[in-house]
C-alpha atoms as a PDB file:
ATOM      1  CA  MET A   1     -24.422   8.609 -62.200  1.00  0.00           C
ATOM      2  CA  ASP A   2     -26.344   7.069 -59.321  1.00  0.00           C
ATOM      3  CA  ASP A   3     -23.034   6.454 -57.553  1.00  0.00           C
ATOM      4  CA  LEU A   4     -22.106  10.142 -57.877  1.00  0.00           C
ATOM      5  CA  LYS A   5     -25.469  11.202 -56.450  1.00  0.00           C
ATOM      6  CA  SER A   6     -24.938   8.809 -53.552  1.00  0.00           C
ATOM      7  CA  ILE A   7     -21.529  10.336 -52.806  1.00  0.00           C
ATOM      8  CA  ASP A   8     -22.978  13.877 -52.960  1.00  0.00           C
ATOM      9  CA  ASN A   9     -25.718  12.902 -50.521  1.00  0.00           C
ATOM     10  CA  GLN A  10     -23.180  11.442 -48.105  1.00  0.00           C
ATOM     11  CA  LEU A  11     -20.824  14.418 -48.041  1.00  0.00           C
ATOM     12  CA  PRO A  12     -23.054  16.760 -46.006  1.00  0.00           C
ATOM     13  CA  GLN A  13     -23.758  13.959 -43.538  1.00  0.00           C
ATOM     14  CA  LYS A  14     -20.036  13.304 -43.148  1.00  0.00           C
ATOM     15  CA  ALA A  15     -19.396  17.005 -42.584  1.00  0.00           C
ATOM     16  CA  ILE A  16     -22.180  17.191 -40.020  1.00  0.00           C
ATOM     17  CA  TYR A  17     -20.844  14.122 -38.208  1.00  0.00           C
ATOM     18  CA  ALA A  18     -17.281  15.514 -38.199  1.00  0.00           C
ATOM     19  CA  LYS A  19     -18.576  18.775 -36.732  1.00  0.00           C
ATOM     20  CA  TYR A  20     -20.547  16.838 -34.106  1.00  0.00           C
ATOM     21  CA  LYS A  21     -17.461  14.807 -33.114  1.00  0.00           C
ATOM     22  CA  LYS A  22     -15.415  17.966 -32.682  1.00  0.00           C
ATOM     23  CA  ALA A  23     -18.110  19.559 -30.533  1.00  0.00           C
ATOM     24  CA  GLU A  24     -18.272  16.424 -28.385  1.00  0.00           C
ATOM     25  CA  GLN A  25     -14.512  16.431 -27.933  1.00  0.00           C
ATOM     26  CA  LEU A  26     -14.699  19.932 -26.451  1.00  0.00           C
ATOM     27  CA  LYS A  27     -17.504  19.194 -23.975  1.00  0.00           C
ATOM     28  CA  PRO A  28     -15.424  17.582 -21.182  1.00  0.00           C
ATOM     29  CA  TYR A  29     -13.170  20.648 -21.164  1.00  0.00           C
ATOM     30  CA  GLN A  30     -16.161  22.991 -21.258  1.00  0.00           C
ATOM     31  CA  ALA A  31     -17.494  21.134 -18.207  1.00  0.00           C
ATOM     32  CA  GLU A  32     -14.133  21.709 -16.484  1.00  0.00           C
ATOM     33  CA  LEU A  33     -14.358  25.404 -17.303  1.00  0.00           C
ATOM     34  CA  ILE A  34     -17.674  25.503 -15.423  1.00  0.00           C
ATOM     35  CA  LYS A  35     -15.964  23.896 -12.396  1.00  0.00           C
ATOM     36  CA  MET A  36     -13.210  26.479 -12.653  1.00  0.00           C
ATOM     37  CA  GLN A  37     -15.750  29.280 -12.857  1.00  0.00           C
ATOM     38  CA  LYS A  38     -17.526  28.029  -9.712  1.00  0.00           C
ATOM     39  CA  HIS A  39     -14.159  27.906  -7.928  1.00  0.00           C
ATOM     40  CA  LEU A  40     -13.424  31.519  -8.879  1.00  0.00           C
ATOM     41  CA  GLU A  41     -16.827  32.566  -7.578  1.00  0.00           C
ATOM     42  CA  LYS A  42     -16.267  30.754  -4.290  1.00  0.00           C
ATOM     43  CA  THR A  43     -12.711  31.965  -3.693  1.00  0.00           C
ATOM     44  CA  LYS A  44     -13.286  35.500  -5.083  1.00  0.00           C
ATOM     45  CA  LYS A  45     -10.336  35.137  -7.411  1.00  0.00           C
ATOM     46  CA  LYS A  46     -10.085  36.792 -10.837  1.00  0.00           C
ATOM     47  CA  VAL A  47      -8.926  35.653 -14.262  1.00  0.00           C
ATOM     48  CA  ILE A  48      -8.047  37.799 -17.278  1.00  0.00           C
ATOM     49  CA  VAL A  49      -7.537  36.093 -20.636  1.00  0.00           C
ATOM     50  CA  LEU A  50      -6.145  38.069 -23.564  1.00  0.00           C
ATOM     51  CA  PHE A  51      -6.975  36.915 -27.085  1.00  0.00           C
ATOM     52  CA  ASP A  52      -4.594  38.712 -29.410  1.00  0.00           C
ATOM     53  CA  GLY A  53      -3.142  37.815 -32.788  1.00  0.00           C
ATOM     54  CA  ARG A  54      -3.567  38.280 -36.497  1.00  0.00           C
ATOM     55  CA  ASP A  55      -6.848  39.070 -38.199  1.00  0.00           C
ATOM     56  CA  ALA A  56      -8.935  35.978 -39.038  1.00  0.00           C
ATOM     57  CA  SER A  57      -6.849  33.840 -36.676  1.00  0.00           C
ATOM     58  CA  GLY A  58      -9.879  32.386 -34.875  1.00  0.00           C
ATOM     59  CA  LYS A  59      -9.989  34.459 -31.693  1.00  0.00           C
ATOM     60  CA  GLY A  60     -13.728  35.141 -31.704  1.00  0.00           C
ATOM     61  CA  GLY A  61     -14.731  31.556 -32.460  1.00  0.00           C
ATOM     62  CA  THR A  62     -12.486  30.290 -29.682  1.00  0.00           C
ATOM     63  CA  ILE A  63     -13.973  32.736 -27.180  1.00  0.00           C
ATOM     64  CA  ARG A  64     -17.459  31.531 -28.087  1.00  0.00           C
ATOM     65  CA  ARG A  65     -16.486  27.897 -27.437  1.00  0.00           C
ATOM     66  CA  VAL A  66     -14.755  28.733 -24.157  1.00  0.00           C
ATOM     67  CA  THR A  67     -17.772  30.595 -22.779  1.00  0.00           C
ATOM     68  CA  ARG A  68     -20.553  28.530 -24.390  1.00  0.00           C
ATOM     69  CA  TYR A  69     -21.807  26.796 -21.230  1.00  0.00           C
ATOM     70  CA  MET A  70     -20.537  29.234 -18.610  1.00  0.00           C
ATOM     71  CA  ASN A  71     -22.679  31.184 -16.189  1.00  0.00           C
ATOM     72  CA  GLU A  72     -23.161  34.564 -17.895  1.00  0.00           C
ATOM     73  CA  LYS A  73     -23.344  36.305 -14.529  1.00  0.00           C
ATOM     74  CA  HIS A  74     -19.704  35.572 -13.785  1.00  0.00           C
ATOM     75  CA  TYR A  75     -17.842  36.212 -17.022  1.00  0.00           C
ATOM     76  CA  ARG A  76     -17.578  39.036 -19.546  1.00  0.00           C
ATOM     77  CA  VAL A  77     -16.228  39.254 -23.082  1.00  0.00           C
ATOM     78  CA  VAL A  78     -14.691  42.669 -23.726  1.00  0.00           C
ATOM     79  CA  ALA A  79     -14.085  43.887 -27.285  1.00  0.00           C
ATOM     80  CA  LEU A  80     -13.351  47.599 -27.123  1.00  0.00           C
ATOM     81  CA  GLY A  81     -13.840  49.776 -30.183  1.00  0.00           C
ATOM     82  CA  LYS A  82     -11.893  52.860 -31.148  1.00  0.00           C
ATOM     83  CA  PRO A  83     -11.059  55.109 -28.195  1.00  0.00           C
ATOM     84  CA  SER A  84     -13.109  58.283 -27.825  1.00  0.00           C
ATOM     85  CA  TYR A  85     -11.562  61.730 -28.026  1.00  0.00           C
ATOM     86  CA  HIS A  86     -11.267  61.897 -24.226  1.00  0.00           C
ATOM     87  CA  GLN A  87      -9.874  58.356 -23.967  1.00  0.00           C
ATOM     88  CA  LYS A  88      -7.120  59.308 -26.408  1.00  0.00           C
ATOM     89  CA  THR A  89      -5.968  61.960 -23.941  1.00  0.00           C
ATOM     90  CA  GLU A  90      -5.833  59.479 -21.046  1.00  0.00           C
ATOM     91  CA  LEU A  91      -3.457  56.685 -20.072  1.00  0.00           C
ATOM     92  CA  HIS A  92      -3.663  53.943 -22.723  1.00  0.00           C
ATOM     93  CA  MET A  93      -4.229  51.209 -20.118  1.00  0.00           C
ATOM     94  CA  LYS A  94      -7.016  53.085 -18.339  1.00  0.00           C
ATOM     95  CA  ARG A  95      -9.960  51.975 -20.494  1.00  0.00           C
ATOM     96  CA  TYR A  96      -8.817  48.351 -20.235  1.00  0.00           C
ATOM     97  CA  ILE A  97      -8.280  48.507 -16.469  1.00  0.00           C
ATOM     98  CA  GLU A  98     -11.841  49.826 -16.150  1.00  0.00           C
ATOM     99  CA  GLN A  99     -12.991  46.483 -17.624  1.00  0.00           C
ATOM    100  CA  PHE A 100     -10.979  44.272 -15.267  1.00  0.00           C
ATOM    101  CA  PRO A 101     -12.800  41.480 -13.419  1.00  0.00           C
ATOM    102  CA  HIS A 102     -14.515  41.890 -10.102  1.00  0.00           C
ATOM    103  CA  ALA A 103     -13.938  39.284  -7.388  1.00  0.00           C
ATOM    104  CA  GLY A 104     -14.995  35.860  -8.641  1.00  0.00           C
ATOM    105  CA  GLU A 105     -15.165  36.926 -12.284  1.00  0.00           C
ATOM    106  CA  LEU A 106     -13.526  35.906 -15.557  1.00  0.00           C
ATOM    107  CA  VAL A 107     -12.924  38.528 -18.260  1.00  0.00           C
ATOM    108  CA  LEU A 108     -11.895  37.633 -21.804  1.00  0.00           C
ATOM    109  CA  PHE A 109     -10.473  40.434 -23.951  1.00  0.00           C
ATOM    110  CA  ASP A 110     -11.073  40.051 -27.681  1.00  0.00           C
ATOM    111  CA  ARG A 111      -7.951  42.089 -28.487  1.00  0.00           C
ATOM    112  CA  SER A 112      -6.349  43.853 -25.580  1.00  0.00           C
ATOM    113  CA  TRP A 113      -4.011  46.656 -24.604  1.00  0.00           C
ATOM    114  CA  TYR A 114      -1.458  44.910 -26.831  1.00  0.00           C
ATOM    115  CA  ASN A 115      -3.115  46.558 -29.832  1.00  0.00           C
ATOM    116  CA  ARG A 116      -0.587  49.272 -29.084  1.00  0.00           C
ATOM    117  CA  ALA A 117       2.259  46.793 -29.591  1.00  0.00           C
ATOM    118  CA  ILE A 118       1.217  45.726 -33.106  1.00  0.00           C
ATOM    119  CA  VAL A 119      -1.873  47.181 -34.800  1.00  0.00           C
ATOM    120  CA  GLU A 120      -1.619  50.813 -33.672  1.00  0.00           C
ATOM    121  CA  PRO A 121       2.002  51.488 -34.687  1.00  0.00           C
ATOM    122  CA  ILE A 122       1.595  49.723 -38.052  1.00  0.00           C
ATOM    123  CA  PHE A 123      -1.443  51.844 -39.001  1.00  0.00           C
ATOM    124  CA  ASN A 124      -0.124  55.025 -37.351  1.00  0.00           C
ATOM    125  CA  PHE A 125      -2.909  55.008 -34.762  1.00  0.00           C
ATOM    126  CA  CYS A 126      -0.282  55.960 -32.176  1.00  0.00           C
ATOM    127  CA  SER A 127       2.991  57.849 -32.273  1.00  0.00           C
ATOM    128  CA  LYS A 128       6.438  56.241 -32.061  1.00  0.00           C
ATOM    129  CA  ASP A 129       6.832  57.768 -28.628  1.00  0.00           C
ATOM    130  CA  GLN A 130       3.541  56.264 -27.434  1.00  0.00           C
ATOM    131  CA  TYR A 131       4.545  52.873 -28.815  1.00  0.00           C
ATOM    132  CA  ASN A 132       7.979  52.958 -27.146  1.00  0.00           C
ATOM    133  CA  LYS A 133       6.539  54.075 -23.806  1.00  0.00           C
ATOM    134  CA  PHE A 134       4.023  51.236 -23.901  1.00  0.00           C
ATOM    135  CA  ILE A 135       6.657  48.582 -24.648  1.00  0.00           C
ATOM    136  CA  LYS A 136       8.819  49.870 -21.798  1.00  0.00           C
ATOM    137  CA  SER A 137       6.055  50.181 -19.202  1.00  0.00           C
ATOM    138  CA  VAL A 138       3.572  47.344 -19.867  1.00  0.00           C
ATOM    139  CA  ASN A 139       5.471  44.729 -17.850  1.00  0.00           C
ATOM    140  CA  THR A 140       5.392  47.014 -14.815  1.00  0.00           C
ATOM    141  CA  TYR A 141       1.645  47.571 -15.171  1.00  0.00           C
ATOM    142  CA  GLU A 142       1.048  43.829 -15.351  1.00  0.00           C
ATOM    143  CA  ARG A 143       3.221  43.111 -12.309  1.00  0.00           C
ATOM    144  CA  ASN A 144       1.279  45.732 -10.370  1.00  0.00           C
ATOM    145  CA  PHE A 145      -2.167  44.279 -10.977  1.00  0.00           C
ATOM    146  CA  LEU A 146      -0.928  40.710 -10.484  1.00  0.00           C
ATOM    147  CA  SER A 147       0.667  41.591  -7.153  1.00  0.00           C
ATOM    148  CA  ASP A 148      -2.654  41.220  -5.293  1.00  0.00           C
ATOM    149  CA  GLY A 149      -2.225  37.433  -5.468  1.00  0.00           C
ATOM    150  CA  LYS A 150      -5.865  37.100  -6.522  1.00  0.00           C
ATOM    151  CA  THR A 151      -5.510  37.725 -10.257  1.00  0.00           C
ATOM    152  CA  THR A 152      -4.379  35.337 -13.003  1.00  0.00           C
ATOM    153  CA  LEU A 153      -3.381  36.763 -16.393  1.00  0.00           C
ATOM    154  CA  ILE A 154      -3.293  34.477 -19.438  1.00  0.00           C
ATOM    155  CA  LYS A 155      -1.865  35.959 -22.648  1.00  0.00           C
ATOM    156  CA  LEU A 156      -2.707  34.133 -25.892  1.00  0.00           C
ATOM    157  CA  TYR A 157      -1.433  35.092 -29.348  1.00  0.00           C
ATOM    158  CA  PHE A 158      -3.258  33.387 -32.225  1.00  0.00           C
ATOM    159  CA  SER A 159      -0.930  32.726 -35.148  1.00  0.00           C
ATOM    160  CA  VAL A 160      -2.459  31.830 -38.513  1.00  0.00           C
ATOM    161  CA  SER A 161      -0.384  31.177 -41.656  1.00  0.00           C
ATOM    162  CA  LYS A 162      -0.468  33.697 -44.487  1.00  0.00           C
ATOM    163  CA  ASP A 163      -2.150  31.277 -46.921  1.00  0.00           C
ATOM    164  CA  GLU A 164      -4.824  30.288 -44.405  1.00  0.00           C
ATOM    165  CA  GLN A 165      -5.491  33.902 -43.496  1.00  0.00           C
ATOM    166  CA  ASP A 166      -5.993  34.709 -47.186  1.00  0.00           C
ATOM    167  CA  ARG A 167      -8.369  31.746 -47.573  1.00  0.00           C
ATOM    168  CA  ARG A 168     -10.442  32.969 -44.625  1.00  0.00           C
ATOM    169  CA  PHE A 169     -10.541  36.516 -46.012  1.00  0.00           C
ATOM    170  CA  GLN A 170     -11.758  35.213 -49.371  1.00  0.00           C
ATOM    171  CA  ARG A 171     -14.495  33.284 -47.610  1.00  0.00           C
ATOM    172  CA  ARG A 172     -15.578  36.424 -45.776  1.00  0.00           C
ATOM    173  CA  LYS A 173     -15.704  38.411 -49.016  1.00  0.00           C
ATOM    174  CA  ASN A 174     -17.885  35.825 -50.709  1.00  0.00           C
ATOM    175  CA  ASP A 175     -20.168  34.906 -47.814  1.00  0.00           C
ATOM    176  CA  PRO A 176     -22.899  37.491 -47.042  1.00  0.00           C
ATOM    177  CA  LEU A 177     -23.174  36.071 -43.515  1.00  0.00           C
ATOM    178  CA  ARG A 178     -19.492  36.792 -42.853  1.00  0.00           C
ATOM    179  CA  GLN A 179     -18.887  40.010 -44.788  1.00  0.00           C
ATOM    180  CA  TRP A 180     -19.447  42.100 -41.662  1.00  0.00           C
ATOM    181  CA  LYS A 181     -16.245  40.600 -40.248  1.00  0.00           C
ATOM    182  CA  LEU A 182     -14.107  42.119 -43.005  1.00  0.00           C
ATOM    183  CA  SER A 183     -12.731  45.531 -41.986  1.00  0.00           C
ATOM    184  CA  GLU A 184     -10.464  48.045 -43.698  1.00  0.00           C
ATOM    185  CA  VAL A 185      -7.632  46.857 -41.457  1.00  0.00           C
ATOM    186  CA  ASP A 186      -8.268  43.248 -42.523  1.00  0.00           C
ATOM    187  CA  LEU A 187      -8.006  44.187 -46.181  1.00  0.00           C
ATOM    188  CA  GLN A 188      -4.433  45.398 -45.624  1.00  0.00           C
ATOM    189  CA  ALA A 189      -3.311  42.487 -43.420  1.00  0.00           C
ATOM    190  CA  GLN A 190      -1.828  40.439 -46.268  1.00  0.00           C
ATOM    191  CA  SER A 191       0.198  43.283 -47.799  1.00  0.00           C
ATOM    192  CA  LEU A 192       1.470  44.256 -44.339  1.00  0.00           C
ATOM    193  CA  TRP A 193       2.217  40.659 -43.297  1.00  0.00           C
ATOM    194  CA  ASP A 194       5.945  41.233 -42.696  1.00  0.00           C
ATOM    195  CA  GLU A 195       5.295  44.370 -40.656  1.00  0.00           C
ATOM    196  CA  PHE A 196       2.916  42.462 -38.397  1.00  0.00           C
ATOM    197  CA  THR A 197       5.497  39.694 -37.982  1.00  0.00           C
ATOM    198  CA  LYS A 198       8.265  42.135 -37.007  1.00  0.00           C
ATOM    199  CA  LYS A 199       6.046  43.770 -34.397  1.00  0.00           C
ATOM    200  CA  LYS A 200       4.964  40.357 -33.110  1.00  0.00           C
ATOM    201  CA  PHE A 201       8.623  39.384 -32.586  1.00  0.00           C
ATOM    202  CA  LYS A 202       9.414  42.564 -30.666  1.00  0.00           C
ATOM    203  CA  MET A 203       6.258  42.232 -28.545  1.00  0.00           C
ATOM    204  CA  LEU A 204       7.100  38.656 -27.553  1.00  0.00           C
ATOM    205  CA  LYS A 205      10.730  39.516 -26.881  1.00  0.00           C
ATOM    206  CA  LYS A 206       9.907  42.494 -24.662  1.00  0.00           C
ATOM    207  CA  THR A 207       6.729  41.342 -22.898  1.00  0.00           C
ATOM    208  CA  SER A 208       6.833  37.545 -22.513  1.00  0.00           C
ATOM    209  CA  THR A 209       8.125  37.324 -18.947  1.00  0.00           C
ATOM    210  CA  ALA A 210       8.352  34.648 -16.270  1.00  0.00           C
ATOM    211  CA  ASP A 211       5.481  36.337 -14.373  1.00  0.00           C
ATOM    212  CA  SER A 212       3.385  36.975 -17.472  1.00  0.00           C
ATOM    213  CA  PRO A 213       4.347  34.718 -20.404  1.00  0.00           C
ATOM    214  CA  TRP A 214       2.793  34.614 -23.852  1.00  0.00           C
ATOM    215  CA  TRP A 215       1.374  31.423 -25.350  1.00  0.00           C
ATOM    216  CA  VAL A 216       1.342  31.259 -29.141  1.00  0.00           C
ATOM    217  CA  ILE A 217      -1.536  29.235 -30.615  1.00  0.00           C
ATOM    218  CA  ARG A 218      -1.079  27.801 -34.117  1.00  0.00           C
ATOM    219  CA  SER A 219      -4.631  28.303 -35.371  1.00  0.00           C
ATOM    220  CA  ASP A 220      -4.807  27.019 -38.961  1.00  0.00           C
ATOM    221  CA  ASP A 221      -6.805  24.143 -37.484  1.00  0.00           C
ATOM    222  CA  LYS A 222      -9.553  25.997 -35.613  1.00  0.00           C
ATOM    223  CA  HIS A 223     -10.730  22.977 -33.654  1.00  0.00           C
ATOM    224  CA  LEU A 224      -7.290  22.158 -32.264  1.00  0.00           C
ATOM    225  CA  ALA A 225      -6.710  25.815 -31.432  1.00  0.00           C
ATOM    226  CA  ARG A 226      -9.959  25.881 -29.438  1.00  0.00           C
ATOM    227  CA  LEU A 227      -9.194  22.646 -27.645  1.00  0.00           C
ATOM    228  CA  GLU A 228      -5.659  23.664 -26.676  1.00  0.00           C
ATOM    229  CA  THR A 229      -6.807  27.108 -25.548  1.00  0.00           C
ATOM    230  CA  MET A 230      -9.198  25.485 -23.094  1.00  0.00           C
ATOM    231  CA  LYS A 231      -6.370  23.324 -21.770  1.00  0.00           C
ATOM    232  CA  ILE A 232      -4.121  26.356 -21.252  1.00  0.00           C
ATOM    233  CA  ILE A 233      -6.811  28.210 -19.309  1.00  0.00           C
ATOM    234  CA  LEU A 234      -7.608  25.168 -17.166  1.00  0.00           C
ATOM    235  CA  LYS A 235      -3.929  24.480 -16.432  1.00  0.00           C
ATOM    236  CA  SER A 236      -3.360  28.118 -15.466  1.00  0.00           C
ATOM    237  CA  VAL A 237      -5.928  28.091 -12.642  1.00  0.00           C
ATOM    238  CA  ARG A 238      -5.887  25.706  -9.681  1.00  0.00           C
ATOM    239  CA  TYR A 239      -9.429  24.653  -8.848  1.00  0.00           C
ATOM    240  CA  ARG A 240     -11.146  21.923  -6.868  1.00  0.00           C
ATOM    241  CA  GLY A 241     -12.637  18.861  -8.534  1.00  0.00           C
ATOM    242  CA  ARG A 242     -10.361  18.688 -11.561  1.00  0.00           C
ATOM    243  CA  SER A 243     -11.126  15.520 -13.543  1.00  0.00           C
ATOM    244  CA  ARG A 244      -8.449  12.830 -13.557  1.00  0.00           C
ATOM    245  CA  LYS A 245      -9.918  11.158 -16.621  1.00  0.00           C
ATOM    246  CA  ILE A 246      -9.255  14.013 -19.026  1.00  0.00           C
ATOM    247  CA  ASP A 247      -5.981  14.587 -20.865  1.00  0.00           C
ATOM    248  CA  PHE A 248      -4.779  18.097 -20.035  1.00  0.00           C
ATOM    249  CA  SER A 249      -1.398  17.718 -21.731  1.00  0.00           C
ATOM    250  CA  ILE A 250      -0.595  20.487 -24.193  1.00  0.00           C
ATOM    251  CA  ASP A 251      -0.008  19.666 -27.863  1.00  0.00           C
ATOM    252  CA  SER A 252       3.398  21.184 -28.683  1.00  0.00           C
ATOM    253  CA  ASN A 253       2.474  21.253 -32.375  1.00  0.00           C
ATOM    254  CA  VAL A 254      -0.294  23.736 -31.594  1.00  0.00           C
ATOM    255  CA  VAL A 255       0.920  25.630 -28.515  1.00  0.00           C
ATOM    256  CA  ILE A 256       4.365  27.233 -28.300  1.00  0.00           C
ATOM    257  CA  SER A 257       5.650  29.265 -25.378  1.00  0.00           C
ATOM    258  CA  GLY A 258       6.612  32.849 -26.127  1.00  0.00           C
ATOM    259  CA  LYS A 259      10.231  32.003 -25.329  1.00  0.00           C
ATOM    260  CA  LYS A 260      10.345  29.126 -27.842  1.00  0.00           C
ATOM    261  CA  GLU A 261       8.553  31.179 -30.473  1.00  0.00           C
ATOM    262  CA  ILE A 262      11.223  33.873 -30.178  1.00  0.00           C
ATOM    263  CA  GLN A 263      13.942  31.247 -30.699  1.00  0.00           C
ATOM    264  CA  LYS A 264      12.114  29.814 -33.729  1.00  0.00           C
ATOM    265  CA  MET A 265      11.670  33.237 -35.266  1.00  0.00           C
ATOM    266  CA  LYS A 266      15.361  34.030 -34.816  1.00  0.00           C
ATOM    267  CA  LYS A 267      16.271  30.813 -36.637  1.00  0.00           C
ATOM    268  CA  GLN A 268      13.824  31.647 -39.422  1.00  0.00           C
ATOM    269  CA  LYS A 269      15.428  35.036 -39.924  1.00  0.00           C
ATOM    270  CA  MET A 270      18.913  33.529 -40.053  1.00  0.00           C
ATOM    271  CA  LYS A 271      17.756  30.951 -42.623  1.00  0.00           C
ATOM    272  CA  HIS A 272      15.385  33.028 -44.777  1.00  0.00           C
ATOM    273  CA  GLY A 273      16.526  36.564 -44.093  1.00  0.00           C
ATOM    274  CA  LYS A 274      13.181  37.428 -42.499  1.00  0.00           C
ATOM    275  CA  TYR A 275      10.654  36.212 -39.958  1.00  0.00           C
ATOM    276  CA  VAL A 276       8.233  33.800 -41.608  1.00  0.00           C
ATOM    277  CA  ARG A 277       5.250  33.727 -39.246  1.00  0.00           C
END
């Protein structure tokens, strides 16, 4: 009995230590992000990072780790709500463009204009015509605002497995501190899993380009997803003073290029008759 009590007393300490180790592992990269931010401020360059993906895939937590030690004066996190009546009558991209970074600024979109590529058509928040027009025109829009040579666009799609997504939803339902995260859209995510996957495939196929590629983040392991996201951002921006002691190599088990993800999904459909993830 005493042995069992001893084990119970040790478990929280082990969990706390594991959490501490993970936080410490992120710190060198968070320090590099500060260097990058200073470089952007000095050179007046701009960075846009899109955090898209499935519900409960870890986007918000990753954004918080990326920005934790940054200078709040020179970055913004943008999470737009439902468009107003007037915004619905305007160009879809307009309300996002209005949030673009100023010179020397970093803007992180917690869901972006790519809502129109996945969420909106699935829930009939846009028409088929609006969806098709977006898919056809979005690459042109992105080329236009990247043509100034001062802007870097990083597109991240967070991909969580169906079982892990369900586990996270159950935790939100049962935890009063997390219940606010559970929306009506979330509650339908599991039943509409295949629809989301089909739209994801088409989005990657049509909008992952050489100029503006997608990076797919396997996010069942939140810590690894956060770590690899920081590496992607840091490798996407050239800045002075980059540490030579830190490993910036990307873990191919966590990060997959949009092009490779498309190939994998095609193979899955041939083998299983449908896209799996």
